[in-house]
Amino acid sequence: MIFGRKKPAPPTQCPHVPDPLSRHEVQGILATPNGRNVLREMRTSQMEMRKQFADAIGGAEQHLRFCKGMRDNCDTAIKEINRALGEVQA
């Protein structure tokens, strides 16, 4: 039996949302004039992107649950996810 490392956990955050800023980066932004407003806008846009992504995934899951009994693969849900991802990226 071979003992290896466990696989890393998948990211819990949407891949299209940038990683949170480090403390150093936040301090750098706050040092600029109007820094608080810049941070507030960044935070608001990230929250909006996460909400759009969660809505898209939720809609696709609901659709897949609805047509689970069907034998053919569900292209509609895949198109729905791709459309929503396109909107989030734009």
C-alpha atoms as a PDB file:
ATOM      1  CA  MET A   1       0.000   0.000   0.000  1.00  0.00           C
ATOM      2  CA  ILE A   2       1.369   3.375  -0.989  1.00  0.00           C
ATOM      3  CA  PHE A   3       0.886   6.290   1.339  1.00  0.00           C
ATOM      4  CA  GLY A   4       0.735   9.612  -0.396  1.00  0.00           C
ATOM      5  CA  ARG A   5      -0.492  13.071   0.243  1.00  0.00           C
ATOM      6  CA  LYS A   6      -4.156  13.838   0.107  1.00  0.00           C
ATOM      7  CA  LYS A   7      -5.326  15.690  -2.957  1.00  0.00           C
ATOM      8  CA  PRO A   8      -5.675  19.422  -2.328  1.00  0.00           C
ATOM      9  CA  ALA A   9      -9.199  20.597  -1.699  1.00  0.00           C
ATOM     10  CA  PRO A  10     -10.882  22.261  -4.660  1.00  0.00           C
ATOM     11  CA  PRO A  11     -11.127  26.044  -4.485  1.00  0.00           C
ATOM     12  CA  THR A  12     -14.309  27.177  -2.787  1.00  0.00           C
ATOM     13  CA  GLN A  13     -14.239  30.555  -4.469  1.00  0.00           C
ATOM     14  CA  CYS A  14     -15.406  31.310  -7.962  1.00  0.00           C
ATOM     15  CA  PRO A  15     -12.347  31.169 -10.280  1.00  0.00           C
ATOM     16  CA  HIS A  16     -13.420  34.406 -11.942  1.00  0.00           C
ATOM     17  CA  VAL A  17     -13.288  36.400  -8.716  1.00  0.00           C
ATOM     18  CA  PRO A  18      -9.774  37.648  -7.905  1.00  0.00           C
ATOM     19  CA  ASP A  19      -8.103  36.529  -4.683  1.00  0.00           C
ATOM     20  CA  PRO A  20      -8.529  38.764  -1.654  1.00  0.00           C
ATOM     21  CA  LEU A  21      -5.946  41.491  -1.277  1.00  0.00           C
ATOM     22  CA  SER A  22      -3.090  41.040   1.142  1.00  0.00           C
ATOM     23  CA  ARG A  23      -2.718  43.403   4.084  1.00  0.00           C
ATOM     24  CA  HIS A  24       0.218  45.085   2.337  1.00  0.00           C
ATOM     25  CA  GLU A  25      -1.828  45.700  -0.815  1.00  0.00           C
ATOM     26  CA  VAL A  26      -4.725  47.129   1.217  1.00  0.00           C
ATOM     27  CA  GLN A  27      -2.374  49.489   3.054  1.00  0.00           C
ATOM     28  CA  GLY A  28      -0.915  50.573  -0.290  1.00  0.00           C
ATOM     29  CA  ILE A  29      -4.363  51.403  -1.653  1.00  0.00           C
ATOM     30  CA  LEU A  30      -5.373  53.214   1.539  1.00  0.00           C
ATOM     31  CA  ALA A  31      -2.225  55.348   1.290  1.00  0.00           C
ATOM     32  CA  THR A  32      -3.473  56.817  -1.982  1.00  0.00           C
ATOM     33  CA  PRO A  33      -5.960  59.683  -2.000  1.00  0.00           C
ATOM     34  CA  ASN A  34      -9.530  58.375  -2.272  1.00  0.00           C
ATOM     35  CA  GLY A  35      -8.270  54.931  -1.195  1.00  0.00           C
ATOM     36  CA  ARG A  36     -11.302  54.060   0.925  1.00  0.00           C
ATOM     37  CA  ASN A  37     -13.664  54.567  -1.997  1.00  0.00           C
ATOM     38  CA  VAL A  38     -11.460  52.425  -4.250  1.00  0.00           C
ATOM     39  CA  LEU A  39     -11.551  49.552  -1.741  1.00  0.00           C
ATOM     40  CA  ARG A  40     -15.308  49.893  -1.281  1.00  0.00           C
ATOM     41  CA  GLU A  41     -15.890  49.713  -5.051  1.00  0.00           C
ATOM     42  CA  MET A  42     -13.612  46.666  -5.356  1.00  0.00           C
ATOM     43  CA  ARG A  43     -15.434  44.881  -2.547  1.00  0.00           C
ATOM     44  CA  THR A  44     -18.849  45.695  -4.035  1.00  0.00           C
ATOM     45  CA  SER A  45     -17.882  44.446  -7.500  1.00  0.00           C
ATOM     46  CA  GLN A  46     -16.450  41.196  -6.076  1.00  0.00           C
ATOM     47  CA  MET A  47     -19.627  40.562  -4.078  1.00  0.00           C
ATOM     48  CA  GLU A  48     -21.733  41.178  -7.188  1.00  0.00           C
ATOM     49  CA  MET A  49     -19.616  38.755  -9.239  1.00  0.00           C
ATOM     50  CA  ARG A  50     -19.944  36.060  -6.564  1.00  0.00           C
ATOM     51  CA  LYS A  51     -23.722  36.562  -6.442  1.00  0.00           C
ATOM     52  CA  GLN A  52     -24.060  36.246 -10.237  1.00  0.00           C
ATOM     53  CA  PHE A  53     -21.958  33.086 -10.238  1.00  0.00           C
ATOM     54  CA  ALA A  54     -23.985  31.532  -7.389  1.00  0.00           C
ATOM     55  CA  ASP A  55     -27.246  32.379  -9.177  1.00  0.00           C
ATOM     56  CA  ALA A  56     -26.006  30.754 -12.382  1.00  0.00           C
ATOM     57  CA  ILE A  57     -24.916  27.566 -10.627  1.00  0.00           C
ATOM     58  CA  GLY A  58     -28.174  27.424  -8.648  1.00  0.00           C
ATOM     59  CA  GLY A  59     -30.269  27.758 -11.814  1.00  0.00           C
ATOM     60  CA  ALA A  60     -28.314  25.029 -13.582  1.00  0.00           C
ATOM     61  CA  GLU A  61     -28.597  22.671 -10.588  1.00  0.00           C
ATOM     62  CA  GLN A  62     -32.347  23.250 -10.454  1.00  0.00           C
ATOM     63  CA  HIS A  63     -32.630  22.516 -14.166  1.00  0.00           C
ATOM     64  CA  LEU A  64     -30.565  19.322 -13.868  1.00  0.00           C
ATOM     65  CA  ARG A  65     -32.713  18.156 -10.943  1.00  0.00           C
ATOM     66  CA  PHE A  66     -35.831  18.779 -13.053  1.00  0.00           C
ATOM     67  CA  CYS A  67     -34.679  16.702 -16.015  1.00  0.00           C
ATOM     68  CA  LYS A  68     -32.811  14.016 -14.064  1.00  0.00           C
ATOM     69  CA  GLY A  69     -35.282  11.382 -15.271  1.00  0.00           C
ATOM     70  CA  MET A  70     -34.492  12.060 -18.905  1.00  0.00           C
ATOM     71  CA  ARG A  71     -32.008   9.772 -20.604  1.00  0.00           C
ATOM     72  CA  ASP A  72     -30.419  12.280 -22.972  1.00  0.00           C
ATOM     73  CA  ASN A  73     -27.759  14.612 -21.655  1.00  0.00           C
ATOM     74  CA  CYS A  74     -28.957  18.040 -20.672  1.00  0.00           C
ATOM     75  CA  ASP A  75     -27.408  20.578 -23.022  1.00  0.00           C
ATOM     76  CA  THR A  76     -29.668  23.335 -21.737  1.00  0.00           C
ATOM     77  CA  ALA A  77     -28.030  23.365 -18.301  1.00  0.00           C
ATOM     78  CA  ILE A  78     -24.565  23.433 -19.855  1.00  0.00           C
ATOM     79  CA  LYS A  79     -25.574  26.358 -22.067  1.00  0.00           C
ATOM     80  CA  GLU A  80     -27.075  28.099 -19.036  1.00  0.00           C
ATOM     81  CA  ILE A  81     -23.813  27.773 -17.087  1.00  0.00           C
ATOM     82  CA  ASN A  82     -21.716  28.964 -20.030  1.00  0.00           C
ATOM     83  CA  ARG A  83     -24.025  31.941 -20.624  1.00  0.00           C
ATOM     84  CA  ALA A  84     -23.844  32.951 -16.972  1.00  0.00           C
ATOM     85  CA  LEU A  85     -20.066  32.556 -16.886  1.00  0.00           C
ATOM     86  CA  GLY A  86     -19.846  34.762 -19.969  1.00  0.00           C
ATOM     87  CA  GLU A  87     -21.925  37.420 -18.212  1.00  0.00           C
ATOM     88  CA  VAL A  88     -19.749  37.227 -15.094  1.00  0.00           C
ATOM     89  CA  GLN A  89     -16.549  37.580 -17.117  1.00  0.00           C
ATOM     90  CA  ALA A  90     -17.878  40.539 -19.102  1.00  0.00           C
END
